[in-house]
Amino acid sequence: MNINWKQKLTSRKFWAAITGFITALLVTFGVDNMTTEQVVGVVTAAATLIAYIIGEGMVDAARGNGDESGNE
């Protein structure tokens, strides 16, 4: 089974699932609300950054191959 990590890491559904899973774990282990909010914020920020970097890399790669469909 081959996993397309570029597609996974740029998927909003994937990051929503990760965030939901982490939130559920924090609640299960009785972590206070402030810490839970901070962890969810960090995961969301990291997901946004990763998706942006991979997306821009894909656009740059397409430009390098002569495909001018990418926008800045």
N, C-alpha and C. Protein backbone atom coordinates (compact mmCIF):
# COMPACT_ATOMS: atom_id res chain seq x y z
N MET A 1 0.85 -1.18 0.00
CA MET A 1 0.00 0.00 0.00
C MET A 1 0.89 1.24 0.00
N ASN A 2 0.71 2.08 -0.99
CA ASN A 2 1.51 3.28 -1.15
C ASN A 2 0.69 4.51 -0.72
N ILE A 3 1.19 5.27 0.23
CA ILE A 3 0.48 6.45 0.73
C ILE A 3 1.04 7.68 0.05
N ASN A 4 0.16 8.50 -0.50
CA ASN A 4 0.55 9.76 -1.13
C ASN A 4 0.62 10.83 -0.04
N TRP A 5 1.82 11.02 0.54
CA TRP A 5 1.97 11.93 1.67
C TRP A 5 1.75 13.38 1.30
N LYS A 6 2.09 13.77 0.07
CA LYS A 6 1.83 15.15 -0.35
C LYS A 6 0.34 15.44 -0.27
N GLN A 7 -0.46 14.52 -0.76
CA GLN A 7 -1.91 14.71 -0.74
C GLN A 7 -2.44 14.70 0.69
N LYS A 8 -1.94 13.79 1.51
CA LYS A 8 -2.39 13.71 2.91
C LYS A 8 -2.05 14.98 3.67
N LEU A 9 -0.82 15.45 3.54
CA LEU A 9 -0.38 16.60 4.33
C LEU A 9 -1.02 17.91 3.89
N THR A 10 -1.59 17.95 2.70
CA THR A 10 -2.28 19.16 2.26
C THR A 10 -3.79 19.03 2.40
N SER A 11 -4.25 17.94 2.96
CA SER A 11 -5.69 17.70 3.11
C SER A 11 -6.23 18.31 4.40
N ARG A 12 -7.25 19.13 4.26
CA ARG A 12 -7.89 19.71 5.45
C ARG A 12 -8.57 18.63 6.29
N LYS A 13 -9.12 17.63 5.64
CA LYS A 13 -9.77 16.53 6.37
C LYS A 13 -8.76 15.78 7.24
N PHE A 14 -7.57 15.55 6.70
CA PHE A 14 -6.52 14.86 7.45
C PHE A 14 -6.17 15.65 8.70
N TRP A 15 -5.96 16.97 8.56
CA TRP A 15 -5.57 17.78 9.70
C TRP A 15 -6.72 17.94 10.69
N ALA A 16 -7.95 17.98 10.20
CA ALA A 16 -9.10 18.01 11.11
C ALA A 16 -9.16 16.72 11.93
N ALA A 17 -8.87 15.60 11.28
CA ALA A 17 -8.87 14.31 11.99
C ALA A 17 -7.75 14.27 13.02
N ILE A 18 -6.56 14.74 12.67
CA ILE A 18 -5.45 14.78 13.61
C ILE A 18 -5.78 15.66 14.81
N THR A 19 -6.32 16.85 14.53
CA THR A 19 -6.68 17.78 15.60
C THR A 19 -7.76 17.19 16.50
N GLY A 20 -8.76 16.56 15.91
CA GLY A 20 -9.82 15.92 16.69
C GLY A 20 -9.28 14.80 17.56
N PHE A 21 -8.38 14.01 17.01
CA PHE A 21 -7.79 12.90 17.77
C PHE A 21 -6.98 13.42 18.95
N ILE A 22 -6.15 14.42 18.71
CA ILE A 22 -5.34 14.98 19.79
C ILE A 22 -6.22 15.62 20.86
N THR A 23 -7.26 16.34 20.43
CA THR A 23 -8.18 16.96 21.39
C THR A 23 -8.85 15.90 22.25
N ALA A 24 -9.30 14.82 21.62
CA ALA A 24 -9.95 13.73 22.37
C ALA A 24 -8.98 13.11 23.38
N LEU A 25 -7.73 12.93 22.99
CA LEU A 25 -6.74 12.38 23.93
C LEU A 25 -6.52 13.32 25.11
N LEU A 26 -6.40 14.61 24.83
CA LEU A 26 -6.18 15.57 25.91
C LEU A 26 -7.35 15.59 26.89
N VAL A 27 -8.57 15.54 26.35
CA VAL A 27 -9.75 15.52 27.22
C VAL A 27 -9.79 14.22 28.03
N THR A 28 -9.47 13.10 27.39
CA THR A 28 -9.48 11.81 28.07
C THR A 28 -8.51 11.78 29.25
N PHE A 29 -7.36 12.40 29.07
CA PHE A 29 -6.36 12.39 30.13
C PHE A 29 -6.50 13.57 31.09
N GLY A 30 -7.59 14.32 30.99
CA GLY A 30 -7.89 15.36 31.95
C GLY A 30 -7.02 16.60 31.87
N VAL A 31 -6.50 16.89 30.70
CA VAL A 31 -5.69 18.08 30.52
C VAL A 31 -6.61 19.30 30.58
N ASP A 32 -6.16 20.37 31.23
CA ASP A 32 -7.01 21.55 31.39
C ASP A 32 -7.32 22.20 30.05
N ASN A 33 -8.39 22.98 30.02
CA ASN A 33 -8.88 23.59 28.78
C ASN A 33 -7.87 24.52 28.13
N MET A 34 -7.15 25.29 28.91
CA MET A 34 -6.18 26.23 28.35
C MET A 34 -5.08 25.49 27.59
N THR A 35 -4.56 24.45 28.19
CA THR A 35 -3.52 23.66 27.53
C THR A 35 -4.05 23.00 26.27
N THR A 36 -5.26 22.48 26.34
CA THR A 36 -5.89 21.85 25.16
C THR A 36 -6.02 22.87 24.03
N GLU A 37 -6.47 24.06 24.34
CA GLU A 37 -6.61 25.11 23.32
C GLU A 37 -5.25 25.47 22.71
N GLN A 38 -4.23 25.54 23.54
CA GLN A 38 -2.90 25.86 23.04
C GLN A 38 -2.36 24.76 22.12
N VAL A 39 -2.55 23.52 22.50
CA VAL A 39 -2.08 22.40 21.68
C VAL A 39 -2.82 22.38 20.35
N VAL A 40 -4.14 22.57 20.38
CA VAL A 40 -4.92 22.60 19.14
C VAL A 40 -4.45 23.76 18.25
N GLY A 41 -4.16 24.90 18.85
CA GLY A 41 -3.66 26.04 18.10
C GLY A 41 -2.33 25.74 17.42
N VAL A 42 -1.43 25.08 18.14
CA VAL A 42 -0.13 24.73 17.57
C VAL A 42 -0.29 23.73 16.42
N VAL A 43 -1.13 22.72 16.61
CA VAL A 43 -1.36 21.73 15.55
C VAL A 43 -1.96 22.40 14.32
N THR A 44 -2.92 23.28 14.52
CA THR A 44 -3.55 23.97 13.40
C THR A 44 -2.56 24.87 12.68
N ALA A 45 -1.74 25.58 13.42
CA ALA A 45 -0.73 26.44 12.81
C ALA A 45 0.28 25.61 12.01
N ALA A 46 0.72 24.50 12.58
CA ALA A 46 1.67 23.63 11.89
C ALA A 46 1.05 23.05 10.61
N ALA A 47 -0.21 22.66 10.69
CA ALA A 47 -0.90 22.11 9.51
C ALA A 47 -0.98 23.14 8.41
N THR A 48 -1.30 24.37 8.77
CA THR A 48 -1.38 25.45 7.77
C THR A 48 -0.02 25.67 7.12
N LEU A 49 1.03 25.73 7.91
CA LEU A 49 2.37 25.94 7.39
C LEU A 49 2.81 24.80 6.48
N ILE A 50 2.59 23.57 6.91
CA ILE A 50 2.98 22.41 6.10
C ILE A 50 2.23 22.39 4.79
N ALA A 51 0.91 22.62 4.83
CA ALA A 51 0.12 22.62 3.61
C ALA A 51 0.58 23.71 2.65
N TYR A 52 0.90 24.88 3.18
CA TYR A 52 1.37 25.99 2.34
C TYR A 52 2.71 25.64 1.68
N ILE A 53 3.64 25.13 2.46
CA ILE A 53 4.96 24.81 1.93
C ILE A 53 4.86 23.74 0.84
N ILE A 54 4.10 22.69 1.09
CA ILE A 54 3.96 21.63 0.09
C ILE A 54 3.22 22.15 -1.14
N GLY A 55 2.18 22.93 -0.93
CA GLY A 55 1.43 23.50 -2.05
C GLY A 55 2.30 24.38 -2.93
N GLU A 56 3.10 25.24 -2.32
CA GLU A 56 4.00 26.11 -3.08
C GLU A 56 5.08 25.30 -3.78
N GLY A 57 5.54 24.26 -3.14
CA GLY A 57 6.52 23.38 -3.79
C GLY A 57 5.95 22.71 -5.02
N MET A 58 4.69 22.30 -4.94
CA MET A 58 4.04 21.68 -6.09
C MET A 58 3.86 22.69 -7.22
N VAL A 59 3.51 23.93 -6.88
CA VAL A 59 3.37 24.98 -7.90
C VAL A 59 4.72 25.27 -8.55
N ASP A 60 5.76 25.37 -7.74
CA ASP A 60 7.10 25.63 -8.28
C ASP A 60 7.56 24.48 -9.17
N ALA A 61 7.28 23.25 -8.76
CA ALA A 61 7.65 22.09 -9.58
C ALA A 61 6.91 22.10 -10.90
N ALA A 62 5.63 22.49 -10.88
CA ALA A 62 4.85 22.55 -12.12
C ALA A 62 5.42 23.63 -13.04
N ARG A 63 5.82 24.75 -12.48
CA ARG A 63 6.43 25.81 -13.29
C ARG A 63 7.74 25.34 -13.92
N GLY A 64 8.49 24.57 -13.17
CA GLY A 64 9.76 24.05 -13.68
C GLY A 64 9.58 23.07 -14.83
N ASN A 65 8.40 22.45 -14.88
CA ASN A 65 8.11 21.50 -15.95
C ASN A 65 7.42 22.16 -17.14
N GLY A 66 7.35 23.48 -17.14
CA GLY A 66 6.74 24.20 -18.27
C GLY A 66 5.27 24.44 -18.13
N ASP A 67 4.67 24.06 -17.00
CA ASP A 67 3.24 24.28 -16.76
C ASP A 67 3.07 25.64 -16.10
N GLU A 68 2.47 26.57 -16.77
CA GLU A 68 2.32 27.94 -16.24
C GLU A 68 0.98 28.14 -15.56
N SER A 69 0.31 27.07 -15.11
CA SER A 69 -1.02 27.20 -14.51
C SER A 69 -0.96 27.64 -13.05
N GLY A 70 0.19 27.59 -12.40
CA GLY A 70 0.30 27.96 -10.98
C GLY A 70 0.20 29.47 -10.79
N ASN A 71 -0.48 29.86 -9.71
CA ASN A 71 -0.61 31.28 -9.37
C ASN A 71 0.21 31.58 -8.14
N GLU A 72 0.68 32.80 -8.02
CA GLU A 72 1.39 33.20 -6.80
C GLU A 72 0.46 33.93 -5.90
